[in-house]
Amino acid sequence: MLMPINRHLLVVPIDEDAEKPSVLIPEGVQVKPRGYKPYEIIQRPSDSKLQRGEVVIVPEHMVEQLECFGKTYYLVLENHVVAIYQPED
């Protein structure tokens, strides 16, 4: 397991579009990122205020993708978290 340090959070993207149909985009066409996306925290440094399992909202362009030992990891600085998602009861 990758252990984040220096206020980085190890996160996994939450697939909101799992049930939406796919659209093929022609080659050369650039699509703007949606802006913000939910991620689940799977590992954090010991001094983080956030907890494992929390769903956080982060600007998509602030998430770093790291390829290491044949796996893909997603890291984001705790400062870039703009909200914590809590489902309504």
PDB file of N, CA and C in Angstrom:
ATOM      1  N   MET A   1       0.854  -1.178   0.000  1.00  0.00           N
ATOM      2  CA  MET A   1       0.000   0.000   0.000  1.00  0.00           C
ATOM      3  C   MET A   1       0.893   1.232   0.000  1.00  0.00           C
ATOM      4  N   LEU A   2       0.526   2.193  -0.776  1.00  0.00           N
ATOM      5  CA  LEU A   2       1.234   3.468  -0.844  1.00  0.00           C
ATOM      6  C   LEU A   2       0.803   4.332   0.333  1.00  0.00           C
ATOM      7  N   MET A   3       1.754   4.853   1.088  1.00  0.00           N
ATOM      8  CA  MET A   3       1.460   5.693   2.248  1.00  0.00           C
ATOM      9  C   MET A   3       1.762   7.149   1.906  1.00  0.00           C
ATOM     10  N   PRO A   4       0.741   7.986   1.781  1.00  0.00           N
ATOM     11  CA  PRO A   4       0.980   9.391   1.438  1.00  0.00           C
ATOM     12  C   PRO A   4       1.584  10.165   2.608  1.00  0.00           C
ATOM     13  N   ILE A   5       2.395  11.165   2.285  1.00  0.00           N
ATOM     14  CA  ILE A   5       2.989  12.047   3.287  1.00  0.00           C
ATOM     15  C   ILE A   5       2.868  13.493   2.800  1.00  0.00           C
ATOM     16  N   ASN A   6       3.306  14.434   3.614  1.00  0.00           N
ATOM     17  CA  ASN A   6       3.316  15.859   3.258  1.00  0.00           C
ATOM     18  C   ASN A   6       1.938  16.362   2.833  1.00  0.00           C
ATOM     19  N   ARG A   7       0.923  15.991   3.605  1.00  0.00           N
ATOM     20  CA  ARG A   7      -0.455  16.466   3.423  1.00  0.00           C
ATOM     21  C   ARG A   7      -1.117  15.952   2.141  1.00  0.00           C
ATOM     22  N   HIS A   8      -0.563  14.903   1.545  1.00  0.00           N
ATOM     23  CA  HIS A   8      -1.209  14.275   0.396  1.00  0.00           C
ATOM     24  C   HIS A   8      -2.208  13.227   0.883  1.00  0.00           C
ATOM     25  N   LEU A   9      -3.278  13.064   0.137  1.00  0.00           N
ATOM     26  CA  LEU A   9      -4.287  12.044   0.401  1.00  0.00           C
ATOM     27  C   LEU A   9      -4.261  11.049  -0.750  1.00  0.00           C
ATOM     28  N   LEU A  10      -4.346   9.770  -0.450  1.00  0.00           N
ATOM     29  CA  LEU A  10      -4.480   8.736  -1.468  1.00  0.00           C
ATOM     30  C   LEU A  10      -5.973   8.517  -1.664  1.00  0.00           C
ATOM     31  N   VAL A  11      -6.450   8.734  -2.875  1.00  0.00           N
ATOM     32  CA  VAL A  11      -7.888   8.693  -3.147  1.00  0.00           C
ATOM     33  C   VAL A  11      -8.183   7.777  -4.329  1.00  0.00           C
ATOM     34  N   VAL A  12      -9.459   7.399  -4.454  1.00  0.00           N
ATOM     35  CA  VAL A  12      -9.941   6.684  -5.638  1.00  0.00           C
ATOM     36  C   VAL A  12     -11.142   7.453  -6.170  1.00  0.00           C
ATOM     37  N   PRO A  13     -11.237   7.583  -7.489  1.00  0.00           N
ATOM     38  CA  PRO A  13     -12.386   8.288  -8.051  1.00  0.00           C
ATOM     39  C   PRO A  13     -13.672   7.500  -7.846  1.00  0.00           C
ATOM     40  N   ILE A  14     -14.745   8.220  -7.616  1.00  0.00           N
ATOM     41  CA  ILE A  14     -16.068   7.605  -7.520  1.00  0.00           C
ATOM     42  C   ILE A  14     -16.727   7.800  -8.869  1.00  0.00           C
ATOM     43  N   ASP A  15     -17.127   6.705  -9.489  1.00  0.00           N
ATOM     44  CA  ASP A  15     -17.687   6.752 -10.842  1.00  0.00           C
ATOM     45  C   ASP A  15     -19.159   7.118 -10.785  1.00  0.00           C
ATOM     46  N   GLU A  16     -19.433   8.401 -11.015  1.00  0.00           N
ATOM     47  CA  GLU A  16     -20.823   8.878 -11.029  1.00  0.00           C
ATOM     48  C   GLU A  16     -21.530   8.482 -12.310  1.00  0.00           C
ATOM     49  N   ASP A  17     -20.773   8.239 -13.371  1.00  0.00           N
ATOM     50  CA  ASP A  17     -21.344   8.008 -14.695  1.00  0.00           C
ATOM     51  C   ASP A  17     -21.462   6.536 -15.043  1.00  0.00           C
ATOM     52  N   ALA A  18     -21.438   5.661 -14.060  1.00  0.00           N
ATOM     53  CA  ALA A  18     -21.454   4.221 -14.332  1.00  0.00           C
ATOM     54  C   ALA A  18     -22.688   3.793 -15.120  1.00  0.00           C
ATOM     55  N   GLU A  19     -23.814   4.453 -14.906  1.00  0.00           N
ATOM     56  CA  GLU A  19     -25.041   4.043 -15.580  1.00  0.00           C
ATOM     57  C   GLU A  19     -25.386   4.917 -16.781  1.00  0.00           C
ATOM     58  N   LYS A  20     -24.589   5.948 -17.060  1.00  0.00           N
ATOM     59  CA  LYS A  20     -24.872   6.826 -18.190  1.00  0.00           C
ATOM     60  C   LYS A  20     -24.285   6.230 -19.458  1.00  0.00           C
ATOM     61  N   PRO A  21     -24.928   6.440 -20.608  1.00  0.00           N
ATOM     62  CA  PRO A  21     -24.399   5.905 -21.855  1.00  0.00           C
ATOM     63  C   PRO A  21     -23.110   6.614 -22.259  1.00  0.00           C
ATOM     64  N   SER A  22     -22.250   5.895 -22.976  1.00  0.00           N
ATOM     65  CA  SER A  22     -20.996   6.468 -23.455  1.00  0.00           C
ATOM     66  C   SER A  22     -21.217   7.173 -24.780  1.00  0.00           C
ATOM     67  N   VAL A  23     -20.379   8.172 -25.039  1.00  0.00           N
ATOM     68  CA  VAL A  23     -20.430   8.903 -26.300  1.00  0.00           C
ATOM     69  C   VAL A  23     -19.031   8.865 -26.896  1.00  0.00           C
ATOM     70  N   LEU A  24     -18.931   8.514 -28.160  1.00  0.00           N
ATOM     71  CA  LEU A  24     -17.635   8.511 -28.830  1.00  0.00           C
ATOM     72  C   LEU A  24     -17.297   9.933 -29.252  1.00  0.00           C
ATOM     73  N   ILE A  25     -16.066  10.348 -28.976  1.00  0.00           N
ATOM     74  CA  ILE A  25     -15.620  11.687 -29.314  1.00  0.00           C
ATOM     75  C   ILE A  25     -14.590  11.559 -30.421  1.00  0.00           C
ATOM     76  N   PRO A  26     -14.753  12.310 -31.520  1.00  0.00           N
ATOM     77  CA  PRO A  26     -13.801  12.216 -32.623  1.00  0.00           C
ATOM     78  C   PRO A  26     -12.391  12.602 -32.180  1.00  0.00           C
ATOM     79  N   GLU A  27     -11.414  12.005 -32.844  1.00  0.00           N
ATOM     80  CA  GLU A  27     -10.018  12.290 -32.531  1.00  0.00           C
ATOM     81  C   GLU A  27      -9.730  13.764 -32.783  1.00  0.00           C
ATOM     82  N   GLY A  28      -8.977  14.376 -31.904  1.00  0.00           N
ATOM     83  CA  GLY A  28      -8.618  15.787 -32.056  1.00  0.00           C
ATOM     84  C   GLY A  28      -9.558  16.748 -31.365  1.00  0.00           C
ATOM     85  N   VAL A  29     -10.711  16.268 -30.926  1.00  0.00           N
ATOM     86  CA  VAL A  29     -11.665  17.125 -30.233  1.00  0.00           C
ATOM     87  C   VAL A  29     -11.320  17.109 -28.746  1.00  0.00           C
ATOM     88  N   GLN A  30     -11.166  18.313 -28.184  1.00  0.00           N
ATOM     89  CA  GLN A  30     -10.847  18.402 -26.770  1.00  0.00           C
ATOM     90  C   GLN A  30     -12.116  18.683 -25.975  1.00  0.00           C
ATOM     91  N   VAL A  31     -12.271  17.963 -24.885  1.00  0.00           N
ATOM     92  CA  VAL A  31     -13.431  18.127 -24.022  1.00  0.00           C
ATOM     93  C   VAL A  31     -12.960  18.755 -22.719  1.00  0.00           C
ATOM     94  N   LYS A  32     -13.629  19.804 -22.294  1.00  0.00           N
ATOM     95  CA  LYS A  32     -13.263  20.439 -21.031  1.00  0.00           C
ATOM     96  C   LYS A  32     -13.594  19.509 -19.875  1.00  0.00           C
ATOM     97  N   PRO A  33     -12.710  19.445 -18.881  1.00  0.00           N
ATOM     98  CA  PRO A  33     -13.050  18.653 -17.695  1.00  0.00           C
ATOM     99  C   PRO A  33     -14.285  19.237 -17.017  1.00  0.00           C
ATOM    100  N   ARG A  34     -15.003  18.400 -16.305  1.00  0.00           N
ATOM    101  CA  ARG A  34     -16.238  18.843 -15.661  1.00  0.00           C
ATOM    102  C   ARG A  34     -15.986  19.802 -14.513  1.00  0.00           C
ATOM    103  N   GLY A  35     -14.765  19.884 -14.077  1.00  0.00           N
ATOM    104  CA  GLY A  35     -14.481  20.792 -12.984  1.00  0.00           C
ATOM    105  C   GLY A  35     -14.196  20.068 -11.685  1.00  0.00           C
ATOM    106  N   TYR A  36     -15.231  19.615 -11.019  1.00  0.00           N
ATOM    107  CA  TYR A  36     -15.084  18.975  -9.715  1.00  0.00           C
ATOM    108  C   TYR A  36     -15.562  17.534  -9.779  1.00  0.00           C
ATOM    109  N   LYS A  37     -14.931  16.691  -8.966  1.00  0.00           N
ATOM    110  CA  LYS A  37     -15.283  15.272  -8.982  1.00  0.00           C
ATOM    111  C   LYS A  37     -15.172  14.704  -7.574  1.00  0.00           C
ATOM    112  N   PRO A  38     -16.009  13.721  -7.231  1.00  0.00           N
ATOM    113  CA  PRO A  38     -15.900  13.092  -5.912  1.00  0.00           C
ATOM    114  C   PRO A  38     -14.834  11.989  -5.901  1.00  0.00           C
ATOM    115  N   TYR A  39     -14.139  11.918  -4.774  1.00  0.00           N
ATOM    116  CA  TYR A  39     -13.120  10.891  -4.550  1.00  0.00           C
ATOM    117  C   TYR A  39     -13.281  10.356  -3.137  1.00  0.00           C
ATOM    118  N   GLU A  40     -12.998   9.089  -2.962  1.00  0.00           N
ATOM    119  CA  GLU A  40     -13.012   8.499  -1.621  1.00  0.00           C
ATOM    120  C   GLU A  40     -11.579   8.418  -1.106  1.00  0.00           C
ATOM    121  N   ILE A  41     -11.381   8.821   0.132  1.00  0.00           N
ATOM    122  CA  ILE A  41     -10.058   8.759   0.744  1.00  0.00           C
ATOM    123  C   ILE A  41      -9.795   7.314   1.181  1.00  0.00           C
ATOM    124  N   ILE A  42      -8.694   6.734   0.690  1.00  0.00           N
ATOM    125  CA  ILE A  42      -8.362   5.369   1.094  1.00  0.00           C
ATOM    126  C   ILE A  42      -7.130   5.311   1.994  1.00  0.00           C
ATOM    127  N   GLN A  43      -6.335   6.381   2.011  1.00  0.00           N
ATOM    128  CA  GLN A  43      -5.184   6.443   2.908  1.00  0.00           C
ATOM    129  C   GLN A  43      -4.836   7.913   3.115  1.00  0.00           C
ATOM    130  N   ARG A  44      -4.365   8.226   4.309  1.00  0.00           N
ATOM    131  CA  ARG A  44      -4.053   9.615   4.643  1.00  0.00           C
ATOM    132  C   ARG A  44      -2.869   9.645   5.591  1.00  0.00           C
ATOM    133  N   PRO A  45      -2.176  10.784   5.667  1.00  0.00           N
ATOM    134  CA  PRO A  45      -1.120  10.890   6.668  1.00  0.00           C
ATOM    135  C   PRO A  45      -1.734  10.981   8.063  1.00  0.00           C
ATOM    136  N   SER A  46      -0.966  10.637   9.064  1.00  0.00           N
ATOM    137  CA  SER A  46      -1.498  10.590  10.431  1.00  0.00           C
ATOM    138  C   SER A  46      -1.941  11.963  10.954  1.00  0.00           C
ATOM    139  N   ASP A  47      -1.399  13.039  10.414  1.00  0.00           N
ATOM    140  CA  ASP A  47      -1.763  14.372  10.901  1.00  0.00           C
ATOM    141  C   ASP A  47      -2.906  15.015  10.112  1.00  0.00           C
ATOM    142  N   SER A  48      -3.549  14.278   9.229  1.00  0.00           N
ATOM    143  CA  SER A  48      -4.644  14.816   8.427  1.00  0.00           C
ATOM    144  C   SER A  48      -5.912  14.976   9.258  1.00  0.00           C
ATOM    145  N   LYS A  49      -6.678  16.016   8.937  1.00  0.00           N
ATOM    146  CA  LYS A  49      -7.964  16.245   9.594  1.00  0.00           C
ATOM    147  C   LYS A  49      -9.063  15.390   8.965  1.00  0.00           C
ATOM    148  N   LEU A  50      -8.814  14.900   7.770  1.00  0.00           N
ATOM    149  CA  LEU A  50      -9.802  14.093   7.060  1.00  0.00           C
ATOM    150  C   LEU A  50      -9.630  12.629   7.424  1.00  0.00           C
ATOM    151  N   GLN A  51     -10.694  11.843   7.234  1.00  0.00           N
ATOM    152  CA  GLN A  51     -10.700  10.440   7.648  1.00  0.00           C
ATOM    153  C   GLN A  51     -10.794   9.512   6.433  1.00  0.00           C
ATOM    154  N   ARG A  52     -10.269   8.288   6.603  1.00  0.00           N
ATOM    155  CA  ARG A  52     -10.429   7.270   5.569  1.00  0.00           C
ATOM    156  C   ARG A  52     -11.913   6.998   5.369  1.00  0.00           C
ATOM    157  N   GLY A  53     -12.297   6.763   4.121  1.00  0.00           N
ATOM    158  CA  GLY A  53     -13.685   6.455   3.805  1.00  0.00           C
ATOM    159  C   GLY A  53     -14.531   7.676   3.508  1.00  0.00           C
ATOM    160  N   GLU A  54     -14.065   8.867   3.860  1.00  0.00           N
ATOM    161  CA  GLU A  54     -14.835  10.076   3.553  1.00  0.00           C
ATOM    162  C   GLU A  54     -14.803  10.335   2.051  1.00  0.00           C
ATOM    163  N   VAL A  55     -15.895  10.887   1.548  1.00  0.00           N
ATOM    164  CA  VAL A  55     -15.976  11.281   0.146  1.00  0.00           C
ATOM    165  C   VAL A  55     -15.731  12.782   0.088  1.00  0.00           C
ATOM    166  N   VAL A  56     -14.715  13.159  -0.675  1.00  0.00           N
ATOM    167  CA  VAL A  56     -14.350  14.571  -0.784  1.00  0.00           C
ATOM    168  C   VAL A  56     -14.533  15.043  -2.219  1.00  0.00           C
ATOM    169  N   ILE A  57     -14.785  16.326  -2.373  1.00  0.00           N
ATOM    170  CA  ILE A  57     -14.940  16.930  -3.696  1.00  0.00           C
ATOM    171  C   ILE A  57     -13.671  17.721  -3.986  1.00  0.00           C
ATOM    172  N   VAL A  58     -13.088  17.447  -5.169  1.00  0.00           N
ATOM    173  CA  VAL A  58     -11.787  18.008  -5.531  1.00  0.00           C
ATOM    174  C   VAL A  58     -11.832  18.488  -6.982  1.00  0.00           C
ATOM    175  N   PRO A  59     -11.172  19.619  -7.304  1.00  0.00           N
ATOM    176  CA  PRO A  59     -11.048  19.997  -8.714  1.00  0.00           C
ATOM    177  C   PRO A  59     -10.273  18.912  -9.460  1.00  0.00           C
ATOM    178  N   GLU A  60     -10.821  18.469 -10.573  1.00  0.00           N
ATOM    179  CA  GLU A  60     -10.209  17.353 -11.310  1.00  0.00           C
ATOM    180  C   GLU A  60      -8.758  17.611 -11.685  1.00  0.00           C
ATOM    181  N   HIS A  61      -8.425  18.843 -12.032  1.00  0.00           N
ATOM    182  CA  HIS A  61      -7.066  19.131 -12.486  1.00  0.00           C
ATOM    183  C   HIS A  61      -6.039  19.121 -11.351  1.00  0.00           C
ATOM    184  N   MET A  62      -6.481  19.016 -10.101  1.00  0.00           N
ATOM    185  CA  MET A  62      -5.561  19.009  -8.972  1.00  0.00           C
ATOM    186  C   MET A  62      -5.186  17.591  -8.526  1.00  0.00           C
ATOM    187  N   VAL A  63      -5.789  16.587  -9.115  1.00  0.00           N
ATOM    188  CA  VAL A  63      -5.503  15.200  -8.755  1.00  0.00           C
ATOM    189  C   VAL A  63      -4.328  14.708  -9.600  1.00  0.00           C
ATOM    190  N   GLU A  64      -3.320  14.179  -8.924  1.00  0.00           N
ATOM    191  CA  GLU A  64      -2.135  13.657  -9.607  1.00  0.00           C
ATOM    192  C   GLU A  64      -2.257  12.149  -9.754  1.00  0.00           C
ATOM    193  N   GLN A  65      -1.961  11.653 -10.955  1.00  0.00           N
ATOM    194  CA  GLN A  65      -1.995  10.220 -11.214  1.00  0.00           C
ATOM    195  C   GLN A  65      -0.566   9.707 -11.170  1.00  0.00           C
ATOM    196  N   LEU A  66      -0.330   8.683 -10.374  1.00  0.00           N
ATOM    197  CA  LEU A  66       1.006   8.139 -10.168  1.00  0.00           C
ATOM    198  C   LEU A  66       1.018   6.666 -10.559  1.00  0.00           C
ATOM    199  N   GLU A  67       1.889   6.304 -11.488  1.00  0.00           N
ATOM    200  CA  GLU A  67       2.080   4.909 -11.888  1.00  0.00           C
ATOM    201  C   GLU A  67       3.282   4.384 -11.111  1.00  0.00           C
ATOM    202  N   CYS A  68       3.074   3.347 -10.303  1.00  0.00           N
ATOM    203  CA  CYS A  68       4.148   2.841  -9.464  1.00  0.00           C
ATOM    204  C   CYS A  68       3.955   1.345  -9.210  1.00  0.00           C
ATOM    205  N   PHE A  69       4.968   0.549  -9.477  1.00  0.00           N
ATOM    206  CA  PHE A  69       4.936  -0.899  -9.258  1.00  0.00           C
ATOM    207  C   PHE A  69       3.737  -1.560  -9.942  1.00  0.00           C
ATOM    208  N   GLY A  70       3.427  -1.101 -11.141  1.00  0.00           N
ATOM    209  CA  GLY A  70       2.355  -1.699 -11.922  1.00  0.00           C
ATOM    210  C   GLY A  70       0.950  -1.309 -11.503  1.00  0.00           C
ATOM    211  N   LYS A  71       0.820  -0.348 -10.598  1.00  0.00           N
ATOM    212  CA  LYS A  71      -0.502   0.111 -10.157  1.00  0.00           C
ATOM    213  C   LYS A  71      -0.642   1.610 -10.410  1.00  0.00           C
ATOM    214  N   THR A  72      -1.882   2.047 -10.502  1.00  0.00           N
ATOM    215  CA  THR A  72      -2.173   3.465 -10.661  1.00  0.00           C
ATOM    216  C   THR A  72      -2.745   3.991  -9.356  1.00  0.00           C
ATOM    217  N   TYR A  73      -2.153   5.064  -8.858  1.00  0.00           N
ATOM    218  CA  TYR A  73      -2.601   5.709  -7.630  1.00  0.00           C
ATOM    219  C   TYR A  73      -3.014   7.142  -7.942  1.00  0.00           C
ATOM    220  N   TYR A  74      -3.940   7.665  -7.147  1.00  0.00           N
ATOM    221  CA  TYR A  74      -4.384   9.046  -7.290  1.00  0.00           C
ATOM    222  C   TYR A  74      -4.097   9.782  -5.992  1.00  0.00           C
ATOM    223  N   LEU A  75      -3.387  10.902  -6.102  1.00  0.00           N
ATOM    224  CA  LEU A  75      -3.008  11.696  -4.942  1.00  0.00           C
ATOM    225  C   LEU A  75      -3.521  13.117  -5.090  1.00  0.00           C
ATOM    226  N   VAL A  76      -3.926  13.690  -3.979  1.00  0.00           N
ATOM    227  CA  VAL A  76      -4.353  15.090  -3.971  1.00  0.00           C
ATOM    228  C   VAL A  76      -3.902  15.701  -2.650  1.00  0.00           C
ATOM    229  N   LEU A  77      -3.480  16.947  -2.706  1.00  0.00           N
ATOM    230  CA  LEU A  77      -3.135  17.648  -1.477  1.00  0.00           C
ATOM    231  C   LEU A  77      -4.393  17.947  -0.680  1.00  0.00           C
ATOM    232  N   GLU A  78      -4.304  17.829   0.623  1.00  0.00           N
ATOM    233  CA  GLU A  78      -5.447  18.107   1.488  1.00  0.00           C
ATOM    234  C   GLU A  78      -5.981  19.528   1.262  1.00  0.00           C
ATOM    235  N   ASN A  79      -5.108  20.475   0.941  1.00  0.00           N
ATOM    236  CA  ASN A  79      -5.511  21.875   0.699  1.00  0.00           C
ATOM    237  C   ASN A  79      -6.475  22.009  -0.476  1.00  0.00           C
ATOM    238  N   HIS A  80      -6.438  21.060  -1.412  1.00  0.00           N
ATOM    239  CA  HIS A  80      -7.266  21.167  -2.616  1.00  0.00           C
ATOM    240  C   HIS A  80      -8.672  20.585  -2.443  1.00  0.00           C
ATOM    241  N   VAL A  81      -8.940  19.993  -1.308  1.00  0.00           N
ATOM    242  CA  VAL A  81     -10.278  19.484  -1.030  1.00  0.00           C
ATOM    243  C   VAL A  81     -11.186  20.683  -0.759  1.00  0.00           C
ATOM    244  N   VAL A  82     -12.275  20.786  -1.532  1.00  0.00           N
ATOM    245  CA  VAL A  82     -13.169  21.941  -1.366  1.00  0.00           C
ATOM    246  C   VAL A  82     -14.410  21.607  -0.540  1.00  0.00           C
ATOM    247  N   ALA A  83     -14.718  20.305  -0.397  1.00  0.00           N
ATOM    248  CA  ALA A  83     -15.908  19.929   0.369  1.00  0.00           C
ATOM    249  C   ALA A  83     -15.844  18.452   0.741  1.00  0.00           C
ATOM    250  N   ILE A  84     -16.598  18.106   1.777  1.00  0.00           N
ATOM    251  CA  ILE A  84     -16.798  16.721   2.168  1.00  0.00           C
ATOM    252  C   ILE A  84     -18.253  16.402   1.882  1.00  0.00           C
ATOM    253  N   TYR A  85     -18.486  15.317   1.157  1.00  0.00           N
ATOM    254  CA  TYR A  85     -19.863  14.939   0.821  1.00  0.00           C
ATOM    255  C   TYR A  85     -20.422  14.031   1.901  1.00  0.00           C
ATOM    256  N   GLN A  86     -21.598  14.391   2.394  1.00  0.00           N
ATOM    257  CA  GLN A  86     -22.320  13.550   3.354  1.00  0.00           C
ATOM    258  C   GLN A  86     -23.737  13.393   2.843  1.00  0.00           C
ATOM    259  N   PRO A  87     -24.176  12.156   2.557  1.00  0.00           N
ATOM    260  CA  PRO A  87     -25.531  11.953   2.039  1.00  0.00           C
ATOM    261  C   PRO A  87     -26.576  12.457   3.027  1.00  0.00           C
ATOM    262  N   GLU A  88     -27.645  12.984   2.471  1.00  0.00           N
ATOM    263  CA  GLU A  88     -28.741  13.458   3.324  1.00  0.00           C
ATOM    264  C   GLU A  88     -29.508  12.277   3.889  1.00  0.00           C
ATOM    265  N   ASP A  89     -29.934  12.399   5.117  1.00  0.00           N
ATOM    266  CA  ASP A  89     -30.705  11.319   5.751  1.00  0.00           C
ATOM    267  C   ASP A  89     -32.153  11.358   5.361  1.00  0.00           C
TER     268      ASP A  89
END
